[in-house]
Amino acid sequence: MAIQISPSILSADFTHLADEAAAVANSADWLHVDVMDNHFVPNLTLGLPVVESLHRVADLPLDCHLMIEDPDRWAPSYAEAGAGGVTIHAEAAKAPVRTLRTIRAEHARAGLAINPATPVEHYAELLPELDMVLLMTVEPGFGGQSFLEMVVPKIRRARELIDGGGGTVRLQVDGGVSADTIEQAAAAGADVFVAGSAVYGKEDPAAAVDALRAQAQREAH
């Protein structure tokens, strides 16, 4: 599958989110929205009202990553609000199959996020319910962290599981993705890349997206 780049607005200027979304509209594929509740992770960021507002002004599909407690309750609302995809955390969901099916029923992409210390094999049986697996390459909760190379073997293992099951599930990595790390993640089998400061920390975010995509394509399976 083609490489996808999803800039994270966690690193954007929150006072000009519409402009920040527009800055990558012609180069990126999705717009990544990190939703944190200060319970599942020790940070508080964006919520449903911001997603609803962004959906009205952003040209890119919203890639909502819910780092929250009780995603079974809240995830459907993000799909209903117009998100192109909603990703819930394996560690937080109590009824993942039901929740993933509800997300899909709203015509959104259903994703499952897995923290660095969580074995991906535990969730192999859920692959038929998924459109995307998100492997965290940092501990969730804050932007600007360094990429954890310990996750690279897990990216390879996830790719093996996906390919063994038919191979239509996207494999996303999130955390510390930059010009220094994207190639090893792509070589291991990732095909969707969340990049925050590596895009919005640059003078020309659109050019940064293009450069990251070119790097990933060189190493892609």
N, C-alpha and C. Protein backbone atom coordinates (compact mmCIF):
# COMPACT_ATOMS: atom_id res chain seq x y z
N MET A 1 0.84 -1.19 0.00
CA MET A 1 0.00 0.00 0.00
C MET A 1 0.88 1.25 0.00
N ALA A 2 0.35 2.31 -0.56
CA ALA A 2 1.11 3.55 -0.68
C ALA A 2 1.41 4.14 0.70
N ILE A 3 2.56 4.78 0.80
CA ILE A 3 2.95 5.46 2.03
C ILE A 3 1.97 6.60 2.33
N GLN A 4 1.58 6.71 3.59
CA GLN A 4 0.71 7.78 4.04
C GLN A 4 1.42 8.59 5.13
N ILE A 5 1.31 9.90 5.06
CA ILE A 5 1.88 10.78 6.08
C ILE A 5 0.74 11.53 6.77
N SER A 6 0.75 11.47 8.10
CA SER A 6 -0.32 12.07 8.90
C SER A 6 0.28 13.06 9.90
N PRO A 7 0.42 14.33 9.53
CA PRO A 7 0.99 15.31 10.46
C PRO A 7 0.13 15.47 11.72
N SER A 8 0.80 15.54 12.85
CA SER A 8 0.10 15.66 14.12
C SER A 8 -0.08 17.13 14.52
N ILE A 9 -1.32 17.53 14.68
CA ILE A 9 -1.56 18.92 15.05
C ILE A 9 -1.22 19.20 16.51
N LEU A 10 -0.82 18.15 17.25
CA LEU A 10 -0.34 18.38 18.61
C LEU A 10 0.87 19.32 18.58
N SER A 11 1.61 19.31 17.47
CA SER A 11 2.78 20.16 17.34
C SER A 11 2.49 21.45 16.58
N ALA A 12 1.23 21.65 16.20
CA ALA A 12 0.85 22.85 15.45
C ALA A 12 0.56 24.02 16.40
N ASP A 13 0.32 25.17 15.81
CA ASP A 13 -0.06 26.37 16.56
C ASP A 13 -1.56 26.31 16.83
N PHE A 14 -1.94 26.07 18.07
CA PHE A 14 -3.35 25.89 18.41
C PHE A 14 -4.19 27.14 18.19
N THR A 15 -3.54 28.30 18.09
CA THR A 15 -4.32 29.52 17.87
C THR A 15 -4.68 29.70 16.40
N HIS A 16 -4.11 28.87 15.53
CA HIS A 16 -4.39 28.98 14.10
C HIS A 16 -4.55 27.58 13.48
N LEU A 17 -5.39 26.75 14.09
CA LEU A 17 -5.48 25.36 13.64
C LEU A 17 -5.98 25.24 12.21
N ALA A 18 -6.90 26.08 11.80
CA ALA A 18 -7.39 26.00 10.42
C ALA A 18 -6.26 26.29 9.44
N ASP A 19 -5.44 27.30 9.74
CA ASP A 19 -4.31 27.62 8.88
C ASP A 19 -3.26 26.51 8.90
N GLU A 20 -3.04 25.91 10.05
CA GLU A 20 -2.07 24.83 10.16
C GLU A 20 -2.53 23.60 9.38
N ALA A 21 -3.83 23.33 9.40
CA ALA A 21 -4.37 22.24 8.60
C ALA A 21 -4.20 22.53 7.11
N ALA A 22 -4.45 23.76 6.72
CA ALA A 22 -4.32 24.15 5.32
C ALA A 22 -2.88 24.07 4.83
N ALA A 23 -1.93 24.28 5.74
CA ALA A 23 -0.52 24.30 5.35
C ALA A 23 -0.03 22.97 4.80
N VAL A 24 -0.71 21.87 5.18
CA VAL A 24 -0.27 20.54 4.72
C VAL A 24 -1.34 19.87 3.85
N ALA A 25 -2.38 20.60 3.50
CA ALA A 25 -3.53 20.01 2.81
C ALA A 25 -3.17 19.42 1.46
N ASN A 26 -2.18 19.99 0.78
CA ASN A 26 -1.83 19.52 -0.56
C ASN A 26 -0.67 18.54 -0.57
N SER A 27 -0.15 18.21 0.61
CA SER A 27 1.00 17.30 0.66
C SER A 27 0.76 16.07 1.53
N ALA A 28 0.02 16.22 2.62
CA ALA A 28 -0.22 15.11 3.53
C ALA A 28 -1.44 14.30 3.09
N ASP A 29 -1.64 13.17 3.76
CA ASP A 29 -2.77 12.29 3.45
C ASP A 29 -3.89 12.41 4.48
N TRP A 30 -3.50 12.46 5.74
CA TRP A 30 -4.45 12.60 6.84
C TRP A 30 -3.94 13.70 7.77
N LEU A 31 -4.79 14.12 8.69
CA LEU A 31 -4.41 15.06 9.74
C LEU A 31 -4.61 14.35 11.08
N HIS A 32 -3.52 14.13 11.79
CA HIS A 32 -3.56 13.34 13.02
C HIS A 32 -3.99 14.21 14.20
N VAL A 33 -4.98 13.75 14.93
CA VAL A 33 -5.51 14.50 16.08
C VAL A 33 -5.34 13.65 17.33
N ASP A 34 -4.46 14.08 18.22
CA ASP A 34 -4.20 13.36 19.47
C ASP A 34 -5.17 13.83 20.55
N VAL A 35 -6.03 12.93 20.97
CA VAL A 35 -7.02 13.22 22.00
C VAL A 35 -6.54 12.58 23.30
N MET A 36 -6.24 13.41 24.30
CA MET A 36 -5.74 12.92 25.60
C MET A 36 -6.61 13.47 26.72
N ASP A 37 -6.85 12.63 27.72
CA ASP A 37 -7.83 12.99 28.75
C ASP A 37 -7.24 13.24 30.14
N ASN A 38 -5.91 13.17 30.28
CA ASN A 38 -5.25 13.34 31.59
C ASN A 38 -5.61 12.22 32.57
N HIS A 39 -6.09 11.10 32.05
CA HIS A 39 -6.36 9.92 32.87
C HIS A 39 -5.62 8.71 32.31
N PHE A 40 -5.93 8.34 31.09
CA PHE A 40 -5.19 7.24 30.45
C PHE A 40 -3.74 7.64 30.21
N VAL A 41 -3.52 8.90 29.87
CA VAL A 41 -2.17 9.45 29.75
C VAL A 41 -2.10 10.74 30.57
N PRO A 42 -0.88 11.13 31.01
CA PRO A 42 -0.76 12.31 31.88
C PRO A 42 -0.69 13.61 31.11
N ASN A 43 -1.69 13.85 30.27
CA ASN A 43 -1.73 15.09 29.52
C ASN A 43 -3.17 15.32 29.09
N LEU A 44 -3.51 16.58 28.86
CA LEU A 44 -4.85 16.95 28.43
C LEU A 44 -4.72 17.78 27.17
N THR A 45 -5.37 17.31 26.08
CA THR A 45 -5.22 18.03 24.82
C THR A 45 -6.59 18.34 24.22
N LEU A 46 -6.82 17.85 23.03
CA LEU A 46 -8.02 18.20 22.28
C LEU A 46 -9.16 17.23 22.56
N GLY A 47 -10.38 17.70 22.28
CA GLY A 47 -11.54 16.86 22.49
C GLY A 47 -12.51 16.95 21.34
N LEU A 48 -13.69 16.45 21.57
CA LEU A 48 -14.69 16.34 20.52
C LEU A 48 -15.07 17.69 19.88
N PRO A 49 -15.25 18.77 20.64
CA PRO A 49 -15.60 20.05 19.99
C PRO A 49 -14.56 20.51 18.98
N VAL A 50 -13.28 20.30 19.29
CA VAL A 50 -12.23 20.70 18.35
C VAL A 50 -12.27 19.84 17.10
N VAL A 51 -12.51 18.55 17.26
CA VAL A 51 -12.63 17.66 16.10
C VAL A 51 -13.81 18.09 15.23
N GLU A 52 -14.93 18.41 15.84
CA GLU A 52 -16.09 18.86 15.07
C GLU A 52 -15.76 20.14 14.29
N SER A 53 -15.03 21.04 14.93
CA SER A 53 -14.67 22.29 14.26
C SER A 53 -13.67 22.06 13.15
N LEU A 54 -12.67 21.23 13.41
CA LEU A 54 -11.67 20.92 12.39
C LEU A 54 -12.29 20.25 11.17
N HIS A 55 -13.25 19.38 11.42
CA HIS A 55 -13.91 18.68 10.32
C HIS A 55 -14.57 19.66 9.35
N ARG A 56 -15.03 20.78 9.89
CA ARG A 56 -15.70 21.77 9.04
C ARG A 56 -14.72 22.55 8.16
N VAL A 57 -13.47 22.65 8.60
CA VAL A 57 -12.53 23.52 7.87
C VAL A 57 -11.36 22.79 7.22
N ALA A 58 -11.08 21.56 7.65
CA ALA A 58 -9.91 20.85 7.13
C ALA A 58 -10.26 20.09 5.85
N ASP A 59 -9.38 20.14 4.89
CA ASP A 59 -9.57 19.39 3.64
C ASP A 59 -9.13 17.95 3.76
N LEU A 60 -8.27 17.65 4.72
CA LEU A 60 -7.77 16.29 4.91
C LEU A 60 -8.67 15.49 5.85
N PRO A 61 -8.75 14.17 5.67
CA PRO A 61 -9.46 13.33 6.65
C PRO A 61 -8.78 13.41 8.01
N LEU A 62 -9.58 13.44 9.05
CA LEU A 62 -9.04 13.51 10.41
C LEU A 62 -8.75 12.10 10.92
N ASP A 63 -7.54 11.94 11.43
CA ASP A 63 -7.02 10.67 11.93
C ASP A 63 -6.99 10.78 13.45
N CYS A 64 -8.09 10.42 14.10
CA CYS A 64 -8.24 10.66 15.54
C CYS A 64 -7.68 9.51 16.36
N HIS A 65 -6.74 9.82 17.23
CA HIS A 65 -6.07 8.85 18.08
C HIS A 65 -6.50 9.11 19.51
N LEU A 66 -7.34 8.22 20.04
CA LEU A 66 -7.93 8.43 21.36
C LEU A 66 -7.07 7.80 22.45
N MET A 67 -6.32 8.63 23.15
CA MET A 67 -5.54 8.19 24.31
C MET A 67 -6.34 8.55 25.55
N ILE A 68 -7.43 7.80 25.73
CA ILE A 68 -8.40 8.14 26.76
C ILE A 68 -8.91 6.88 27.46
N GLU A 69 -9.38 7.07 28.68
CA GLU A 69 -10.13 6.01 29.35
C GLU A 69 -11.52 5.88 28.72
N ASP A 70 -12.06 4.69 28.77
CA ASP A 70 -13.41 4.41 28.28
C ASP A 70 -13.61 4.79 26.81
N PRO A 71 -12.72 4.34 25.93
CA PRO A 71 -12.93 4.63 24.51
C PRO A 71 -14.19 3.96 23.96
N ASP A 72 -14.63 2.90 24.61
CA ASP A 72 -15.86 2.24 24.15
C ASP A 72 -17.05 3.20 24.19
N ARG A 73 -17.03 4.10 25.15
CA ARG A 73 -18.11 5.08 25.26
C ARG A 73 -17.95 6.22 24.26
N TRP A 74 -16.71 6.71 24.10
CA TRP A 74 -16.50 7.96 23.37
C TRP A 74 -16.13 7.81 21.91
N ALA A 75 -15.53 6.70 21.52
CA ALA A 75 -15.06 6.56 20.14
C ALA A 75 -16.15 6.75 19.10
N PRO A 76 -17.36 6.19 19.29
CA PRO A 76 -18.39 6.39 18.26
C PRO A 76 -18.71 7.86 18.00
N SER A 77 -18.60 8.69 19.01
CA SER A 77 -18.91 10.12 18.84
C SER A 77 -17.92 10.79 17.90
N TYR A 78 -16.67 10.35 17.93
CA TYR A 78 -15.67 10.92 17.03
C TYR A 78 -15.93 10.50 15.59
N ALA A 79 -16.36 9.27 15.41
CA ALA A 79 -16.74 8.82 14.07
C ALA A 79 -17.96 9.59 13.57
N GLU A 80 -18.92 9.78 14.44
CA GLU A 80 -20.13 10.53 14.07
C GLU A 80 -19.80 11.99 13.76
N ALA A 81 -18.75 12.52 14.39
CA ALA A 81 -18.36 13.92 14.17
C ALA A 81 -17.66 14.12 12.83
N GLY A 82 -17.40 13.03 12.12
CA GLY A 82 -16.83 13.16 10.79
C GLY A 82 -15.38 12.73 10.66
N ALA A 83 -14.80 12.13 11.71
CA ALA A 83 -13.42 11.67 11.62
C ALA A 83 -13.30 10.62 10.52
N GLY A 84 -12.20 10.71 9.76
CA GLY A 84 -11.95 9.70 8.74
C GLY A 84 -11.52 8.38 9.34
N GLY A 85 -10.90 8.45 10.51
CA GLY A 85 -10.48 7.26 11.22
C GLY A 85 -10.46 7.52 12.71
N VAL A 86 -10.78 6.48 13.49
CA VAL A 86 -10.75 6.57 14.95
C VAL A 86 -9.96 5.39 15.47
N THR A 87 -8.93 5.68 16.24
CA THR A 87 -8.06 4.64 16.80
C THR A 87 -8.21 4.63 18.31
N ILE A 88 -8.47 3.44 18.85
CA ILE A 88 -8.61 3.27 20.30
C ILE A 88 -7.42 2.47 20.82
N HIS A 89 -7.14 2.59 22.10
CA HIS A 89 -6.02 1.86 22.68
C HIS A 89 -6.44 0.50 23.19
N ALA A 90 -5.64 -0.50 22.83
CA ALA A 90 -5.89 -1.86 23.30
C ALA A 90 -5.92 -1.92 24.82
N GLU A 91 -5.06 -1.12 25.45
CA GLU A 91 -4.94 -1.16 26.91
C GLU A 91 -6.13 -0.53 27.62
N ALA A 92 -6.93 0.24 26.90
CA ALA A 92 -8.06 0.95 27.52
C ALA A 92 -9.42 0.36 27.17
N ALA A 93 -9.52 -0.27 26.03
CA ALA A 93 -10.83 -0.76 25.57
C ALA A 93 -11.25 -2.02 26.32
N LYS A 94 -12.47 -2.04 26.76
CA LYS A 94 -13.02 -3.21 27.44
C LYS A 94 -13.86 -4.07 26.50
N ALA A 95 -14.39 -3.46 25.45
CA ALA A 95 -15.19 -4.19 24.46
C ALA A 95 -14.71 -3.80 23.06
N PRO A 96 -13.46 -4.14 22.73
CA PRO A 96 -12.87 -3.64 21.49
C PRO A 96 -13.61 -4.06 20.23
N VAL A 97 -14.09 -5.29 20.17
CA VAL A 97 -14.76 -5.73 18.94
C VAL A 97 -16.01 -4.90 18.69
N ARG A 98 -16.81 -4.73 19.73
CA ARG A 98 -18.03 -3.93 19.57
C ARG A 98 -17.70 -2.49 19.18
N THR A 99 -16.69 -1.92 19.82
CA THR A 99 -16.34 -0.53 19.54
C THR A 99 -15.79 -0.37 18.13
N LEU A 100 -14.91 -1.27 17.72
CA LEU A 100 -14.36 -1.20 16.37
C LEU A 100 -15.45 -1.35 15.31
N ARG A 101 -16.40 -2.23 15.56
CA ARG A 101 -17.50 -2.41 14.60
C ARG A 101 -18.40 -1.18 14.56
N THR A 102 -18.56 -0.53 15.70
CA THR A 102 -19.37 0.69 15.73
C THR A 102 -18.69 1.81 14.94
N ILE A 103 -17.37 1.92 15.08
CA ILE A 103 -16.62 2.92 14.31
C ILE A 103 -16.80 2.67 12.82
N ARG A 104 -16.65 1.42 12.40
CA ARG A 104 -16.81 1.08 10.99
C ARG A 104 -18.23 1.34 10.50
N ALA A 105 -19.20 1.11 11.37
CA ALA A 105 -20.59 1.34 10.98
C ALA A 105 -20.85 2.81 10.67
N GLU A 106 -20.02 3.69 11.23
CA GLU A 106 -20.11 5.13 10.94
C GLU A 106 -19.25 5.51 9.74
N HIS A 107 -18.76 4.50 9.01
CA HIS A 107 -17.96 4.71 7.79
C HIS A 107 -16.62 5.38 8.07
N ALA A 108 -16.07 5.10 9.24
CA ALA A 108 -14.74 5.58 9.60
C ALA A 108 -13.78 4.39 9.66
N ARG A 109 -12.51 4.67 9.50
CA ARG A 109 -11.47 3.65 9.60
C ARG A 109 -11.29 3.30 11.07
N ALA A 110 -11.29 2.00 11.38
CA ALA A 110 -11.16 1.55 12.76
C ALA A 110 -9.72 1.13 13.04
N GLY A 111 -9.12 1.74 14.07
CA GLY A 111 -7.73 1.44 14.39
C GLY A 111 -7.56 1.00 15.83
N LEU A 112 -6.51 0.19 16.05
CA LEU A 112 -6.17 -0.25 17.40
C LEU A 112 -4.73 0.15 17.69
N ALA A 113 -4.53 0.94 18.74
CA ALA A 113 -3.19 1.40 19.15
C ALA A 113 -2.64 0.50 20.24
N ILE A 114 -1.32 0.27 20.17
CA ILE A 114 -0.66 -0.63 21.10
C ILE A 114 0.58 0.07 21.65
N ASN A 115 0.70 0.12 22.96
CA ASN A 115 1.82 0.79 23.62
C ASN A 115 3.12 0.00 23.46
N PRO A 116 4.27 0.64 23.68
CA PRO A 116 5.55 -0.03 23.45
C PRO A 116 5.72 -1.36 24.19
N ALA A 117 5.22 -1.46 25.41
CA ALA A 117 5.44 -2.67 26.19
C ALA A 117 4.37 -3.73 25.98
N THR A 118 3.37 -3.45 25.16
CA THR A 118 2.27 -4.40 24.93
C THR A 118 2.58 -5.27 23.72
N PRO A 119 2.57 -6.61 23.88
CA PRO A 119 2.86 -7.50 22.75
C PRO A 119 1.77 -7.42 21.68
N VAL A 120 2.18 -7.26 20.45
CA VAL A 120 1.22 -7.17 19.35
C VAL A 120 0.52 -8.49 19.11
N GLU A 121 1.18 -9.61 19.44
CA GLU A 121 0.59 -10.93 19.21
C GLU A 121 -0.71 -11.13 19.97
N HIS A 122 -0.87 -10.44 21.09
CA HIS A 122 -2.08 -10.59 21.89
C HIS A 122 -3.34 -10.15 21.15
N TYR A 123 -3.16 -9.35 20.10
CA TYR A 123 -4.30 -8.78 19.40
C TYR A 123 -4.41 -9.24 17.95
N ALA A 124 -3.66 -10.29 17.61
CA ALA A 124 -3.69 -10.80 16.24
C ALA A 124 -5.09 -11.23 15.83
N GLU A 125 -5.86 -11.77 16.76
CA GLU A 125 -7.21 -12.24 16.43
C GLU A 125 -8.15 -11.10 16.07
N LEU A 126 -7.78 -9.86 16.42
CA LEU A 126 -8.64 -8.72 16.11
C LEU A 126 -8.39 -8.15 14.71
N LEU A 127 -7.39 -8.63 14.00
CA LEU A 127 -7.06 -8.06 12.70
C LEU A 127 -8.25 -8.00 11.74
N PRO A 128 -9.14 -9.00 11.70
CA PRO A 128 -10.29 -8.89 10.79
C PRO A 128 -11.23 -7.74 11.14
N GLU A 129 -11.13 -7.21 12.37
CA GLU A 129 -12.00 -6.11 12.80
C GLU A 129 -11.35 -4.75 12.56
N LEU A 130 -10.12 -4.75 12.02
CA LEU A 130 -9.32 -3.54 11.96
C LEU A 130 -9.06 -3.07 10.54
N ASP A 131 -8.94 -1.76 10.42
CA ASP A 131 -8.41 -1.15 9.20
C ASP A 131 -6.97 -0.69 9.41
N MET A 132 -6.56 -0.57 10.68
CA MET A 132 -5.21 -0.08 10.97
C MET A 132 -4.76 -0.53 12.35
N VAL A 133 -3.49 -0.89 12.44
CA VAL A 133 -2.81 -1.08 13.72
C VAL A 133 -1.86 0.09 13.90
N LEU A 134 -1.89 0.72 15.08
CA LEU A 134 -0.99 1.82 15.41
C LEU A 134 -0.03 1.33 16.48
N LEU A 135 1.25 1.29 16.15
CA LEU A 135 2.26 0.95 17.14
C LEU A 135 2.89 2.23 17.68
N MET A 136 2.76 2.43 18.98
CA MET A 136 3.38 3.59 19.60
C MET A 136 4.89 3.38 19.66
N THR A 137 5.62 4.35 19.13
CA THR A 137 7.08 4.28 19.15
C THR A 137 7.66 5.24 20.18
N VAL A 138 6.79 5.73 21.06
CA VAL A 138 7.15 6.41 22.31
C VAL A 138 6.08 6.02 23.32
N GLU A 139 6.31 6.33 24.57
CA GLU A 139 5.24 6.17 25.56
C GLU A 139 4.22 7.28 25.32
N PRO A 140 2.94 6.94 25.23
CA PRO A 140 1.95 7.96 24.87
C PRO A 140 1.78 9.02 25.95
N GLY A 141 1.43 10.23 25.49
CA GLY A 141 1.13 11.29 26.43
C GLY A 141 1.72 12.64 26.09
N PHE A 142 2.85 12.63 25.39
CA PHE A 142 3.50 13.90 25.08
C PHE A 142 4.16 13.84 23.71
N GLY A 143 4.13 14.97 23.01
CA GLY A 143 4.85 15.07 21.75
C GLY A 143 6.31 15.38 21.99
N GLY A 144 7.11 15.26 20.92
CA GLY A 144 8.51 15.64 21.00
C GLY A 144 9.43 14.62 21.63
N GLN A 145 8.95 13.39 21.89
CA GLN A 145 9.80 12.37 22.49
C GLN A 145 10.67 11.70 21.43
N SER A 146 11.70 11.00 21.89
CA SER A 146 12.60 10.30 20.99
C SER A 146 12.04 8.92 20.62
N PHE A 147 12.22 8.55 19.38
CA PHE A 147 11.80 7.26 18.85
C PHE A 147 12.45 6.11 19.62
N LEU A 148 11.64 5.13 20.04
CA LEU A 148 12.13 3.98 20.78
C LEU A 148 12.49 2.86 19.79
N GLU A 149 13.80 2.64 19.61
CA GLU A 149 14.22 1.62 18.65
C GLU A 149 13.83 0.21 19.08
N MET A 150 13.53 0.02 20.37
CA MET A 150 13.08 -1.28 20.84
C MET A 150 11.78 -1.72 20.17
N VAL A 151 11.05 -0.78 19.57
CA VAL A 151 9.77 -1.12 18.94
C VAL A 151 9.97 -1.64 17.51
N VAL A 152 11.14 -1.43 16.93
CA VAL A 152 11.35 -1.83 15.54
C VAL A 152 11.08 -3.31 15.30
N PRO A 153 11.57 -4.23 16.16
CA PRO A 153 11.22 -5.64 15.95
C PRO A 153 9.71 -5.90 16.02
N LYS A 154 9.00 -5.11 16.82
CA LYS A 154 7.55 -5.28 16.91
C LYS A 154 6.87 -4.81 15.63
N ILE A 155 7.43 -3.78 14.99
CA ILE A 155 6.90 -3.35 13.69
C ILE A 155 7.03 -4.50 12.70
N ARG A 156 8.19 -5.16 12.68
CA ARG A 156 8.39 -6.30 11.77
C ARG A 156 7.40 -7.41 12.07
N ARG A 157 7.19 -7.69 13.34
CA ARG A 157 6.28 -8.77 13.72
C ARG A 157 4.84 -8.41 13.34
N ALA A 158 4.45 -7.17 13.53
CA ALA A 158 3.11 -6.74 13.14
C ALA A 158 2.93 -6.87 11.64
N ARG A 159 3.94 -6.50 10.88
CA ARG A 159 3.87 -6.64 9.43
C ARG A 159 3.69 -8.10 9.03
N GLU A 160 4.40 -9.00 9.70
CA GLU A 160 4.25 -10.44 9.42
C GLU A 160 2.83 -10.90 9.69
N LEU A 161 2.27 -10.47 10.81
CA LEU A 161 0.91 -10.87 11.17
C LEU A 161 -0.10 -10.34 10.17
N ILE A 162 0.07 -9.07 9.77
CA ILE A 162 -0.85 -8.46 8.82
C ILE A 162 -0.76 -9.17 7.47
N ASP A 163 0.45 -9.37 6.98
CA ASP A 163 0.62 -10.01 5.69
C ASP A 163 0.12 -11.46 5.72
N GLY A 164 0.31 -12.12 6.85
CA GLY A 164 -0.16 -13.50 6.98
C GLY A 164 -1.67 -13.61 6.99
N GLY A 165 -2.34 -12.51 7.36
CA GLY A 165 -3.80 -12.53 7.40
C GLY A 165 -4.46 -11.95 6.17
N GLY A 166 -3.70 -11.63 5.16
CA GLY A 166 -4.30 -11.10 3.94
C GLY A 166 -3.80 -9.72 3.56
N GLY A 167 -3.30 -8.97 4.55
CA GLY A 167 -2.53 -7.78 4.24
C GLY A 167 -3.25 -6.53 3.81
N THR A 168 -4.49 -6.30 4.23
CA THR A 168 -5.15 -5.04 3.87
C THR A 168 -5.20 -4.05 5.03
N VAL A 169 -4.60 -4.41 6.15
CA VAL A 169 -4.60 -3.56 7.33
C VAL A 169 -3.40 -2.62 7.28
N ARG A 170 -3.65 -1.34 7.50
CA ARG A 170 -2.57 -0.36 7.55
C ARG A 170 -1.76 -0.55 8.84
N LEU A 171 -0.45 -0.19 8.77
CA LEU A 171 0.42 -0.27 9.95
C LEU A 171 1.03 1.11 10.18
N GLN A 172 0.54 1.78 11.21
CA GLN A 172 0.94 3.14 11.53
C GLN A 172 1.92 3.15 12.69
N VAL A 173 2.88 4.08 12.63
CA VAL A 173 3.77 4.33 13.77
C VAL A 173 3.62 5.78 14.20
N ASP A 174 3.70 5.98 15.51
CA ASP A 174 3.45 7.30 16.08
C ASP A 174 4.41 7.53 17.23
N GLY A 175 5.27 8.56 17.07
CA GLY A 175 6.16 8.95 18.15
C GLY A 175 7.61 9.02 17.70
N GLY A 176 8.17 10.21 17.69
CA GLY A 176 9.56 10.37 17.34
C GLY A 176 9.88 10.13 15.87
N VAL A 177 8.85 10.17 15.01
CA VAL A 177 9.09 9.97 13.58
C VAL A 177 9.71 11.23 13.00
N SER A 178 10.84 11.08 12.35
CA SER A 178 11.58 12.21 11.80
C SER A 178 12.43 11.74 10.63
N ALA A 179 13.18 12.65 10.06
CA ALA A 179 14.10 12.29 8.98
C ALA A 179 15.13 11.27 9.44
N ASP A 180 15.41 11.22 10.74
CA ASP A 180 16.41 10.30 11.27
C ASP A 180 15.85 8.91 11.56
N THR A 181 14.52 8.77 11.64
CA THR A 181 13.94 7.49 12.07
C THR A 181 12.95 6.88 11.09
N ILE A 182 12.43 7.66 10.15
CA ILE A 182 11.34 7.16 9.32
C ILE A 182 11.79 6.01 8.42
N GLU A 183 13.05 6.01 8.00
CA GLU A 183 13.50 4.96 7.09
C GLU A 183 13.54 3.60 7.77
N GLN A 184 13.99 3.54 9.03
CA GLN A 184 14.02 2.25 9.70
C GLN A 184 12.62 1.74 10.00
N ALA A 185 11.69 2.64 10.27
CA ALA A 185 10.31 2.21 10.50
C ALA A 185 9.69 1.70 9.21
N ALA A 186 9.98 2.37 8.09
CA ALA A 186 9.46 1.92 6.80
C ALA A 186 10.07 0.59 6.39
N ALA A 187 11.36 0.44 6.62
CA ALA A 187 12.03 -0.82 6.29
C ALA A 187 11.48 -1.98 7.10
N ALA A 188 11.03 -1.70 8.32
CA ALA A 188 10.46 -2.75 9.17
C ALA A 188 9.03 -3.11 8.77
N GLY A 189 8.38 -2.24 7.97
CA GLY A 189 7.05 -2.58 7.48
C GLY A 189 5.95 -1.59 7.73
N ALA A 190 6.24 -0.48 8.39
CA ALA A 190 5.20 0.54 8.60
C ALA A 190 4.87 1.22 7.28
N ASP A 191 3.60 1.62 7.11
CA ASP A 191 3.22 2.33 5.88
C ASP A 191 2.46 3.62 6.15
N VAL A 192 2.17 3.93 7.41
CA VAL A 192 1.54 5.20 7.79
C VAL A 192 2.39 5.82 8.90
N PHE A 193 2.71 7.09 8.74
CA PHE A 193 3.65 7.73 9.66
C PHE A 193 3.05 9.01 10.23
N VAL A 194 2.95 9.06 11.56
CA VAL A 194 2.54 10.27 12.25
C VAL A 194 3.80 11.08 12.54
N ALA A 195 3.79 12.34 12.14
CA ALA A 195 4.94 13.20 12.38
C ALA A 195 4.45 14.54 12.91
N GLY A 196 4.97 14.94 14.07
CA GLY A 196 4.55 16.20 14.68
C GLY A 196 5.56 17.29 14.45
N SER A 197 6.56 17.36 15.32
CA SER A 197 7.56 18.43 15.20
C SER A 197 8.38 18.30 13.92
N ALA A 198 8.46 17.09 13.36
CA ALA A 198 9.20 16.90 12.10
C ALA A 198 8.50 17.56 10.92
N VAL A 199 7.23 17.92 11.12
CA VAL A 199 6.47 18.66 10.10
C VAL A 199 6.23 20.09 10.56
N TYR A 200 5.54 20.24 11.69
CA TYR A 200 5.15 21.57 12.13
C TYR A 200 6.28 22.35 12.80
N GLY A 201 7.40 21.67 13.06
CA GLY A 201 8.56 22.38 13.57
C GLY A 201 9.45 22.94 12.47
N LYS A 202 9.04 22.73 11.21
CA LYS A 202 9.82 23.19 10.07
C LYS A 202 9.22 24.47 9.49
N GLU A 203 10.07 25.23 8.82
CA GLU A 203 9.62 26.49 8.22
C GLU A 203 8.58 26.24 7.13
N ASP A 204 8.71 25.13 6.39
CA ASP A 204 7.78 24.78 5.32
C ASP A 204 7.22 23.40 5.61
N PRO A 205 6.08 23.31 6.32
CA PRO A 205 5.53 22.01 6.69
C PRO A 205 5.21 21.12 5.48
N ALA A 206 4.71 21.70 4.41
CA ALA A 206 4.37 20.90 3.23
C ALA A 206 5.62 20.25 2.64
N ALA A 207 6.70 20.99 2.55
CA ALA A 207 7.95 20.44 2.04
C ALA A 207 8.49 19.35 2.96
N ALA A 208 8.28 19.53 4.27
CA ALA A 208 8.72 18.51 5.23
C ALA A 208 7.96 17.21 5.01
N VAL A 209 6.66 17.30 4.75
CA VAL A 209 5.86 16.11 4.45
C VAL A 209 6.39 15.41 3.21
N ASP A 210 6.65 16.16 2.17
CA ASP A 210 7.15 15.59 0.93
C ASP A 210 8.49 14.88 1.14
N ALA A 211 9.35 15.49 1.94
CA ALA A 211 10.67 14.90 2.19
C ALA A 211 10.55 13.60 2.99
N LEU A 212 9.68 13.59 3.99
CA LEU A 212 9.47 12.38 4.78
C LEU A 212 8.90 11.26 3.92
N ARG A 213 7.95 11.60 3.06
CA ARG A 213 7.35 10.60 2.19
C ARG A 213 8.42 9.98 1.27
N ALA A 214 9.27 10.81 0.71
CA ALA A 214 10.31 10.31 -0.19
C ALA A 214 11.25 9.37 0.55
N GLN A 215 11.60 9.70 1.78
CA GLN A 215 12.46 8.82 2.56
C GLN A 215 11.80 7.47 2.81
N ALA A 216 10.53 7.52 3.23
CA ALA A 216 9.81 6.26 3.53
C ALA A 216 9.65 5.41 2.27
N GLN A 217 9.38 6.04 1.15
CA GLN A 217 9.19 5.29 -0.08
C GLN A 217 10.45 4.54 -0.50
N ARG A 218 11.59 5.10 -0.20
CA ARG A 218 12.85 4.44 -0.56
C ARG A 218 13.03 3.12 0.18
N GLU A 219 12.47 3.04 1.38
CA GLU A 219 12.67 1.85 2.21
C GLU A 219 11.44 0.95 2.29
N ALA A 220 10.33 1.37 1.70
CA ALA A 220 9.07 0.65 1.86
C ALA A 220 9.13 -0.74 1.22
N HIS A 221 8.33 -1.64 1.78
CA HIS A 221 8.23 -3.01 1.27
C HIS A 221 7.60 -3.00 -0.12
